[in-house]
Amino acid sequence: MELWNLYQNNYLIVFVFLCLGVILPVVALFLGKLLRPYKPYDTKYTTYESGIEPFHDSRVQFNVRYYIFALMFVIFDVETVFLYPWAVAYEKLGIFALIEMLIFVFMLVIGLVYAWKKKVLKWI
């Protein structure tokens, strides 16, 4: 019975944090809307470019290659973050973790070679 109560308490703690994670931002946004000054007028809703009137459409079409390049950077940057804790605890993890990390790095290299062959890493 004591194990059952411990099990329920763990879920209760998760539920409390989940509720706090939802309620606190909602309350903060509501209080911000309630307390902010509200004085609308037309000049606030115009497009602003360094104090001068805009002279063309602000929607400029970019090459999709820039977005793919940025996504590739984010993917490989995040994957290197996964390598750091492994490197810190390498001595405690043993040979099994080394093999797992080598497989992980090999999969990253396969992705990098694939992106290189598809010329995703070409800037222009």
C-alpha atoms as a PDB file:
ATOM      1  CA  MET A   1       0.000   0.000   0.000  1.00  0.00           C
ATOM      2  CA  GLU A   2       2.880   2.360   0.764  1.00  0.00           C
ATOM      3  CA  LEU A   3       4.339   1.755  -2.705  1.00  0.00           C
ATOM      4  CA  TRP A   4       0.962   2.625  -4.244  1.00  0.00           C
ATOM      5  CA  ASN A   5       0.891   5.965  -2.366  1.00  0.00           C
ATOM      6  CA  LEU A   6       4.430   6.743  -3.492  1.00  0.00           C
ATOM      7  CA  TYR A   7       3.401   5.948  -7.071  1.00  0.00           C
ATOM      8  CA  GLN A   8       0.383   8.251  -6.828  1.00  0.00           C
ATOM      9  CA  ASN A   9       2.453  11.033  -5.235  1.00  0.00           C
ATOM     10  CA  ASN A  10       4.847  10.983  -8.189  1.00  0.00           C
ATOM     11  CA  TYR A  11       1.950  11.551 -10.595  1.00  0.00           C
ATOM     12  CA  LEU A  12       0.506  14.208  -8.285  1.00  0.00           C
ATOM     13  CA  ILE A  13       3.778  16.146  -8.425  1.00  0.00           C
ATOM     14  CA  VAL A  14       3.852  15.926 -12.230  1.00  0.00           C
ATOM     15  CA  PHE A  15       0.221  17.071 -12.384  1.00  0.00           C
ATOM     16  CA  VAL A  16       0.922  20.045 -10.094  1.00  0.00           C
ATOM     17  CA  PHE A  17       3.875  21.149 -12.223  1.00  0.00           C
ATOM     18  CA  LEU A  18       1.828  20.694 -15.392  1.00  0.00           C
ATOM     19  CA  CYS A  19      -0.942  22.873 -13.983  1.00  0.00           C
ATOM     20  CA  LEU A  20       1.555  25.507 -12.855  1.00  0.00           C
ATOM     21  CA  GLY A  21       3.194  25.429 -16.287  1.00  0.00           C
ATOM     22  CA  VAL A  22      -0.165  26.239 -17.884  1.00  0.00           C
ATOM     23  CA  ILE A  23      -1.693  28.565 -15.286  1.00  0.00           C
ATOM     24  CA  LEU A  24       1.294  30.879 -14.665  1.00  0.00           C
ATOM     25  CA  PRO A  25       1.770  31.988 -18.308  1.00  0.00           C
ATOM     26  CA  VAL A  26      -1.980  32.431 -18.762  1.00  0.00           C
ATOM     27  CA  VAL A  27      -2.209  34.580 -15.621  1.00  0.00           C
ATOM     28  CA  ALA A  28       0.878  36.592 -16.635  1.00  0.00           C
ATOM     29  CA  LEU A  29      -0.540  37.274 -20.102  1.00  0.00           C
ATOM     30  CA  PHE A  30      -3.925  38.218 -18.676  1.00  0.00           C
ATOM     31  CA  LEU A  31      -2.364  40.598 -16.129  1.00  0.00           C
ATOM     32  CA  GLY A  32      -0.193  42.128 -18.851  1.00  0.00           C
ATOM     33  CA  LYS A  33      -3.248  42.770 -20.987  1.00  0.00           C
ATOM     34  CA  LEU A  34      -5.180  44.130 -18.038  1.00  0.00           C
ATOM     35  CA  LEU A  35      -2.457  46.523 -16.820  1.00  0.00           C
ATOM     36  CA  ARG A  36      -1.016  47.804 -20.104  1.00  0.00           C
ATOM     37  CA  PRO A  37      -1.932  51.224 -21.446  1.00  0.00           C
ATOM     38  CA  TYR A  38      -4.348  50.954 -24.355  1.00  0.00           C
ATOM     39  CA  LYS A  39      -4.287  54.026 -26.610  1.00  0.00           C
ATOM     40  CA  PRO A  40      -4.735  52.943 -30.231  1.00  0.00           C
ATOM     41  CA  TYR A  41      -4.356  55.327 -33.147  1.00  0.00           C
ATOM     42  CA  ASP A  42      -3.580  54.899 -36.843  1.00  0.00           C
ATOM     43  CA  THR A  43       0.102  55.812 -36.808  1.00  0.00           C
ATOM     44  CA  LYS A  44       0.841  52.921 -34.431  1.00  0.00           C
ATOM     45  CA  TYR A  45      -0.410  50.449 -37.011  1.00  0.00           C
ATOM     46  CA  THR A  46       1.726  51.651 -39.915  1.00  0.00           C
ATOM     47  CA  THR A  47       4.881  49.889 -41.053  1.00  0.00           C
ATOM     48  CA  TYR A  48       8.017  51.423 -39.561  1.00  0.00           C
ATOM     49  CA  GLU A  49      11.385  51.431 -41.318  1.00  0.00           C
ATOM     50  CA  SER A  50      13.902  53.608 -39.484  1.00  0.00           C
ATOM     51  CA  GLY A  51      11.568  56.559 -39.298  1.00  0.00           C
ATOM     52  CA  ILE A  52      10.846  56.846 -43.025  1.00  0.00           C
ATOM     53  CA  GLU A  53       7.794  55.776 -44.963  1.00  0.00           C
ATOM     54  CA  PRO A  54       8.085  52.317 -46.535  1.00  0.00           C
ATOM     55  CA  PHE A  55       8.595  52.479 -50.299  1.00  0.00           C
ATOM     56  CA  HIS A  56       7.966  48.861 -51.345  1.00  0.00           C
ATOM     57  CA  ASP A  57       6.391  45.653 -50.151  1.00  0.00           C
ATOM     58  CA  SER A  58       8.052  44.286 -47.017  1.00  0.00           C
ATOM     59  CA  ARG A  59       7.545  40.651 -48.032  1.00  0.00           C
ATOM     60  CA  VAL A  60      10.741  39.614 -49.751  1.00  0.00           C
ATOM     61  CA  GLN A  61      11.114  36.089 -51.103  1.00  0.00           C
ATOM     62  CA  PHE A  62      14.230  34.276 -49.896  1.00  0.00           C
ATOM     63  CA  ASN A  63      15.803  31.204 -51.390  1.00  0.00           C
ATOM     64  CA  VAL A  64      14.733  28.098 -49.469  1.00  0.00           C
ATOM     65  CA  ARG A  65      18.369  26.982 -49.381  1.00  0.00           C
ATOM     66  CA  TYR A  66      19.081  29.480 -46.577  1.00  0.00           C
ATOM     67  CA  TYR A  67      16.415  27.888 -44.381  1.00  0.00           C
ATOM     68  CA  ILE A  68      17.689  24.387 -45.084  1.00  0.00           C
ATOM     69  CA  PHE A  69      21.231  25.513 -44.292  1.00  0.00           C
ATOM     70  CA  ALA A  70      20.020  26.970 -40.991  1.00  0.00           C
ATOM     71  CA  LEU A  71      18.130  23.781 -40.148  1.00  0.00           C
ATOM     72  CA  MET A  72      21.205  21.705 -40.884  1.00  0.00           C
ATOM     73  CA  PHE A  73      23.216  23.936 -38.561  1.00  0.00           C
ATOM     74  CA  VAL A  74      20.640  23.559 -35.786  1.00  0.00           C
ATOM     75  CA  ILE A  75      20.495  19.777 -36.205  1.00  0.00           C
ATOM     76  CA  PHE A  76      24.260  19.324 -35.999  1.00  0.00           C
ATOM     77  CA  ASP A  77      24.573  21.889 -33.228  1.00  0.00           C
ATOM     78  CA  VAL A  78      22.002  20.071 -31.092  1.00  0.00           C
ATOM     79  CA  GLU A  79      23.647  16.734 -31.799  1.00  0.00           C
ATOM     80  CA  THR A  80      26.976  18.036 -30.530  1.00  0.00           C
ATOM     81  CA  VAL A  81      25.211  19.044 -27.316  1.00  0.00           C
ATOM     82  CA  PHE A  82      24.298  15.364 -26.903  1.00  0.00           C
ATOM     83  CA  LEU A  83      27.972  14.474 -27.138  1.00  0.00           C
ATOM     84  CA  TYR A  84      29.004  16.663 -24.188  1.00  0.00           C
ATOM     85  CA  PRO A  85      27.359  14.705 -21.306  1.00  0.00           C
ATOM     86  CA  TRP A  86      28.647  11.478 -22.805  1.00  0.00           C
ATOM     87  CA  ALA A  87      32.188  12.864 -22.903  1.00  0.00           C
ATOM     88  CA  VAL A  88      31.962  13.997 -19.282  1.00  0.00           C
ATOM     89  CA  ALA A  89      30.757  10.595 -18.022  1.00  0.00           C
ATOM     90  CA  TYR A  90      32.814   8.485 -20.448  1.00  0.00           C
ATOM     91  CA  GLU A  91      34.815   6.617 -17.787  1.00  0.00           C
ATOM     92  CA  LYS A  92      31.695   5.546 -15.890  1.00  0.00           C
ATOM     93  CA  LEU A  93      29.729   4.428 -18.958  1.00  0.00           C
ATOM     94  CA  GLY A  94      32.099   1.835 -20.346  1.00  0.00           C
ATOM     95  CA  ILE A  95      32.496   0.177 -23.721  1.00  0.00           C
ATOM     96  CA  PHE A  96      28.757  -0.203 -24.418  1.00  0.00           C
ATOM     97  CA  ALA A  97      28.237   3.561 -24.359  1.00  0.00           C
ATOM     98  CA  LEU A  98      31.286   4.000 -26.583  1.00  0.00           C
ATOM     99  CA  ILE A  99      29.778   1.681 -29.187  1.00  0.00           C
ATOM    100  CA  GLU A 100      26.424   3.475 -28.957  1.00  0.00           C
ATOM    101  CA  MET A 101      28.094   6.851 -29.420  1.00  0.00           C
ATOM    102  CA  LEU A 102      30.110   5.597 -32.378  1.00  0.00           C
ATOM    103  CA  ILE A 103      26.870   4.416 -34.004  1.00  0.00           C
ATOM    104  CA  PHE A 104      25.311   7.805 -33.256  1.00  0.00           C
ATOM    105  CA  VAL A 105      28.248   9.717 -34.755  1.00  0.00           C
ATOM    106  CA  PHE A 106      28.279   7.380 -37.761  1.00  0.00           C
ATOM    107  CA  MET A 107      24.604   8.183 -38.395  1.00  0.00           C
ATOM    108  CA  LEU A 108      25.461  11.898 -38.195  1.00  0.00           C
ATOM    109  CA  VAL A 109      28.247  11.425 -40.711  1.00  0.00           C
ATOM    110  CA  ILE A 110      25.846   9.596 -43.044  1.00  0.00           C
ATOM    111  CA  GLY A 111      23.443  12.559 -42.790  1.00  0.00           C
ATOM    112  CA  LEU A 112      26.259  15.012 -43.450  1.00  0.00           C
ATOM    113  CA  VAL A 113      27.486  13.077 -46.484  1.00  0.00           C
ATOM    114  CA  TYR A 114      23.915  12.882 -47.806  1.00  0.00           C
ATOM    115  CA  ALA A 115      23.479  16.645 -47.384  1.00  0.00           C
ATOM    116  CA  TRP A 116      26.837  17.238 -49.056  1.00  0.00           C
ATOM    117  CA  LYS A 117      25.911  15.032 -52.039  1.00  0.00           C
ATOM    118  CA  LYS A 118      22.556  16.821 -52.424  1.00  0.00           C
ATOM    119  CA  LYS A 119      24.479  20.159 -52.357  1.00  0.00           C
ATOM    120  CA  VAL A 120      22.468  21.415 -49.395  1.00  0.00           C
ATOM    121  CA  LEU A 121      25.581  22.903 -47.817  1.00  0.00           C
ATOM    122  CA  LYS A 122      26.289  25.093 -50.822  1.00  0.00           C
ATOM    123  CA  TRP A 123      25.566  28.665 -49.728  1.00  0.00           C
ATOM    124  CA  ILE A 124      24.529  30.240 -53.060  1.00  0.00           C
END
